[in-house]
Amino acid sequence: MNGFEGFRDSPEAPFYRAGARSAEATWAEATTRLERILRSAVTDAQYRAGAITPERICTWHRAIFRTTFERDAGRVRADHEPVDFPVPVQSGDEMRDLLIHGTLGHSAIMHELRFACEAFNATANALHEYERTVETAEGVEPAATLYTAILKIHPFVDGNLRAAYVALTVGLASLGLPAVDFRSVLDRHDECMGRAIRNDLQQTIDPLVRLIVELMS
């Protein structure tokens, strides 16, 4: 099961500057655990064993990062812990990083996260209602929307991408769709995410949906 094993994670995060082991060593361990979590979570999803909830997302995050950054694994950011994260946006003919300020407090994070999970679960249940095979694009869109929402909410101090990727993969599996591997298209992924996360009239999730459908084919 492949995911973001080669993704550009955050070696400058505070827990490294505070004296944790090297980024290479700690993220390598997290990669191994990511694969194990994906196998287990996907198996559960294929049997529709439980809806996606904020609590499950926190459990996945904790399981992946329990030795990478022990204090923050599975812990949703507190009110005094805003984060900044770059989002690629189109500027003329070039892409540039726009710094997004994640300023939601703990209660707001949990509220937004629960809303995103419930929206996905409601759509998934509706798609399963008549026990028919879910068409690829109609299944990808709600899973991609949840994935985008988690990254935009940025509930954790770090490791949000991998937690969101587990949720995406579980969401797809619960609808009978395969996992996708973004490693060969990271630049396109970043560009699609930039379009999906932004808050202006150019915001759209369509490029991300198209990319996921393309990877499935």
Protein backbone atom coordinates (compact mmCIF):
# COMPACT_ATOMS: atom_id res chain seq x y z
CA MET A 1 0.00 0.00 0.00
CA ASN A 2 1.67 3.20 -1.16
CA GLY A 3 1.05 6.74 -0.06
CA PHE A 4 3.28 9.71 0.67
CA GLU A 5 6.44 7.79 1.54
CA GLY A 6 8.48 10.18 -0.59
CA PHE A 7 6.53 13.32 0.18
CA ARG A 8 8.32 16.46 1.28
CA ASP A 9 7.49 16.38 4.97
CA SER A 10 8.51 19.02 7.48
CA PRO A 11 12.12 18.61 8.70
CA GLU A 12 12.02 22.16 10.07
CA ALA A 13 9.11 21.44 12.40
CA PRO A 14 9.56 22.47 16.06
CA PHE A 15 10.06 18.95 17.38
CA TYR A 16 13.19 18.57 15.23
CA ARG A 17 14.56 21.95 16.27
CA ALA A 18 13.93 20.93 19.88
CA GLY A 19 16.40 18.06 19.56
CA ALA A 20 14.41 15.09 18.25
CA ARG A 21 16.17 12.56 16.08
CA SER A 22 16.76 13.35 12.43
CA ALA A 23 13.85 13.92 10.12
CA GLU A 24 15.03 11.08 7.91
CA ALA A 25 15.00 8.53 10.73
CA THR A 26 11.74 9.57 12.34
CA TRP A 27 9.78 9.96 9.11
CA ALA A 28 11.07 6.58 7.91
CA GLU A 29 9.50 5.00 10.99
CA ALA A 30 6.28 6.90 10.37
CA THR A 31 6.24 5.59 6.79
CA THR A 32 6.37 2.00 8.00
CA ARG A 33 3.52 2.64 10.40
CA LEU A 34 1.55 4.48 7.70
CA GLU A 35 1.51 1.34 5.55
CA ARG A 36 0.33 -0.77 8.48
CA ILE A 37 -2.42 1.70 9.40
CA LEU A 38 -3.58 1.88 5.79
CA ARG A 39 -3.90 -1.90 5.51
CA SER A 40 -5.96 -2.12 8.69
CA ALA A 41 -8.12 0.93 7.99
CA VAL A 42 -8.81 -0.09 4.39
CA THR A 43 -9.85 -3.60 5.47
CA ASP A 44 -12.30 -2.07 7.97
CA ALA A 45 -13.61 0.33 5.33
CA GLN A 46 -14.23 -2.45 2.81
CA TYR A 47 -16.53 -4.05 5.36
CA ARG A 48 -17.97 -0.61 6.20
CA ALA A 49 -16.89 -1.05 9.81
CA GLY A 50 -17.59 2.38 11.25
CA ALA A 51 -17.98 5.88 9.87
CA ILE A 52 -15.08 8.31 9.51
CA THR A 53 -14.98 10.51 12.61
CA PRO A 54 -12.57 13.08 14.10
CA GLU A 55 -11.75 10.51 16.77
CA ARG A 56 -10.72 7.93 14.18
CA ILE A 57 -8.58 10.52 12.36
CA CYS A 58 -6.85 11.33 15.67
CA THR A 59 -6.32 7.61 16.28
CA TRP A 60 -4.72 7.19 12.85
CA HIS A 61 -2.48 10.21 13.44
CA ARG A 62 -1.43 8.87 16.85
CA ALA A 63 -0.65 5.43 15.44
CA ILE A 64 1.48 6.86 12.63
CA PHE A 65 3.47 9.37 14.68
CA ARG A 66 3.63 7.92 18.19
CA THR A 67 7.44 7.92 18.24
CA THR A 68 8.01 10.64 15.65
CA PHE A 69 6.61 13.34 17.91
CA GLU A 70 5.18 11.62 20.96
CA ARG A 71 3.66 14.67 22.64
CA ASP A 72 1.69 15.80 19.59
CA ALA A 73 0.71 12.45 18.07
CA GLY A 74 -3.07 12.33 17.82
CA ARG A 75 -3.46 15.61 19.69
CA VAL A 76 -5.58 18.32 18.06
CA ARG A 77 -4.00 21.79 18.21
CA ALA A 78 -4.83 23.94 21.22
CA ASP A 79 -6.10 27.53 21.04
CA HIS A 80 -2.59 28.92 21.52
CA GLU A 81 -1.05 26.81 18.72
CA PRO A 82 -1.80 28.41 15.34
CA VAL A 83 0.16 27.01 12.40
CA ASP A 84 1.34 28.37 9.06
CA PHE A 85 1.42 26.16 5.98
CA PRO A 86 2.20 26.95 2.33
CA VAL A 87 -0.37 26.42 -0.42
CA PRO A 88 0.75 26.63 -4.07
CA VAL A 89 -1.23 29.14 -6.12
CA GLN A 90 -1.03 30.29 -9.74
CA SER A 91 0.51 33.74 -10.16
CA GLY A 92 0.63 34.68 -13.83
CA ASP A 93 2.52 31.90 -15.57
CA GLU A 94 4.22 30.71 -12.39
CA MET A 95 3.30 28.85 -9.25
CA ARG A 96 4.12 30.42 -5.91
CA ASP A 97 3.51 29.45 -2.30
CA LEU A 98 0.82 31.34 -0.41
CA LEU A 99 1.25 31.10 3.36
CA ILE A 100 -2.02 30.07 5.01
CA HIS A 101 -2.51 30.85 8.69
CA GLY A 102 -4.29 28.09 10.56
CA THR A 103 -5.75 30.07 13.45
CA LEU A 104 -8.77 27.97 14.44
CA GLY A 105 -8.93 27.14 18.13
CA HIS A 106 -9.44 23.64 19.48
CA SER A 107 -13.25 23.78 19.65
CA ALA A 108 -13.54 25.25 16.17
CA ILE A 109 -11.17 22.63 14.76
CA MET A 110 -13.24 19.80 16.23
CA HIS A 111 -16.47 21.40 14.99
CA GLU A 112 -15.16 21.83 11.44
CA LEU A 113 -13.60 18.36 11.41
CA ARG A 114 -16.83 16.73 12.63
CA PHE A 115 -18.84 18.65 10.03
CA ALA A 116 -16.50 17.44 7.24
CA CYS A 117 -16.67 13.83 8.43
CA GLU A 118 -20.46 13.88 8.76
CA ALA A 119 -20.82 15.36 5.28
CA PHE A 120 -18.71 12.55 3.82
CA ASN A 121 -20.57 9.86 5.78
CA ALA A 122 -23.95 11.19 4.68
CA THR A 123 -22.90 11.19 1.02
CA ALA A 124 -21.37 7.71 1.30
CA ASN A 125 -24.53 6.35 2.90
CA ALA A 126 -26.65 7.92 0.17
CA LEU A 127 -24.46 6.36 -2.53
CA HIS A 128 -24.80 2.95 -0.85
CA GLU A 129 -28.53 3.29 -0.33
CA TYR A 130 -29.57 1.30 -3.39
CA GLU A 131 -26.68 -1.20 -3.12
CA ARG A 132 -25.38 -0.37 -6.54
CA THR A 133 -21.79 -0.01 -7.71
CA VAL A 134 -20.55 3.51 -7.07
CA GLU A 135 -19.29 5.28 -10.18
CA THR A 136 -15.67 6.39 -9.89
CA ALA A 137 -16.12 10.16 -10.17
CA GLU A 138 -19.14 10.31 -7.84
CA GLY A 139 -17.19 8.39 -5.19
CA VAL A 140 -13.98 10.34 -5.62
CA GLU A 141 -15.58 13.76 -5.11
CA PRO A 142 -16.79 13.29 -1.50
CA ALA A 143 -13.53 11.57 -0.52
CA ALA A 144 -11.48 14.35 -2.13
CA THR A 145 -13.66 16.95 -0.38
CA LEU A 146 -12.95 15.33 3.00
CA TYR A 147 -9.23 15.14 2.19
CA THR A 148 -9.19 18.83 1.28
CA ALA A 149 -11.15 19.80 4.38
CA ILE A 150 -8.73 18.05 6.73
CA LEU A 151 -5.75 19.75 5.14
CA LYS A 152 -7.47 23.14 5.21
CA ILE A 153 -8.49 22.74 8.87
CA HIS A 154 -4.94 21.56 9.67
CA PRO A 155 -5.96 19.98 12.98
CA PHE A 156 -2.49 18.82 14.05
CA VAL A 157 0.79 20.58 14.71
CA ASP A 158 2.34 18.47 11.96
CA GLY A 159 1.64 15.29 10.02
CA ASN A 160 -1.66 16.58 8.64
CA LEU A 161 -0.98 15.32 5.13
CA ARG A 162 -0.54 11.70 6.12
CA ALA A 163 -3.57 11.74 8.40
CA ALA A 164 -5.62 13.27 5.58
CA TYR A 165 -4.25 10.67 3.15
CA VAL A 166 -5.46 7.85 5.40
CA ALA A 167 -8.91 9.47 5.52
CA LEU A 168 -8.91 9.81 1.71
CA THR A 169 -7.89 6.18 1.25
CA VAL A 170 -10.43 4.93 3.78
CA GLY A 171 -13.12 7.07 2.17
CA LEU A 172 -12.36 5.65 -1.26
CA ALA A 173 -12.23 2.08 0.06
CA SER A 174 -15.59 2.48 1.80
CA LEU A 175 -17.07 3.28 -1.62
CA GLY A 176 -15.38 0.33 -3.31
CA LEU A 177 -12.67 2.43 -4.96
CA PRO A 178 -8.92 1.78 -4.98
CA ALA A 179 -6.21 3.79 -3.24
CA VAL A 180 -4.14 6.27 -5.25
CA ASP A 181 -0.42 6.92 -5.16
CA PHE A 182 0.49 10.60 -5.60
CA ARG A 183 4.27 10.16 -5.51
CA SER A 184 4.78 10.40 -9.26
CA VAL A 185 2.62 13.54 -9.54
CA LEU A 186 3.48 15.55 -6.44
CA ASP A 187 3.73 18.86 -8.28
CA ARG A 188 0.31 18.35 -9.87
CA HIS A 189 -1.07 17.26 -6.51
CA ASP A 190 0.22 20.45 -4.89
CA GLU A 191 -1.26 22.60 -7.66
CA CYS A 192 -4.64 20.85 -7.38
CA MET A 193 -4.62 21.27 -3.62
CA GLY A 194 -3.85 24.95 -4.03
CA ARG A 195 -6.97 25.30 -6.17
CA ALA A 196 -9.06 23.29 -3.71
CA ILE A 197 -8.01 25.10 -0.54
CA ARG A 198 -8.05 28.74 -1.65
CA ASN A 199 -10.89 31.04 -0.55
CA ASP A 200 -11.58 33.08 -3.67
CA LEU A 201 -13.57 32.67 -6.88
CA GLN A 202 -10.87 30.41 -8.33
CA GLN A 203 -11.46 27.80 -5.63
CA THR A 204 -12.45 24.43 -7.09
CA ILE A 205 -11.99 20.79 -6.20
CA ASP A 206 -12.48 19.62 -9.80
CA PRO A 207 -8.76 19.40 -10.74
CA LEU A 208 -8.07 17.23 -7.68
CA VAL A 209 -11.00 14.95 -8.52
CA ARG A 210 -9.78 14.63 -12.11
CA LEU A 211 -6.24 13.83 -10.93
CA ILE A 212 -7.46 11.07 -8.60
CA VAL A 213 -9.69 9.56 -11.29
CA GLU A 214 -6.76 9.67 -13.72
CA LEU A 215 -4.49 7.88 -11.25
CA MET A 216 -7.10 5.19 -10.75
CA SER A 217 -7.22 4.52 -14.46
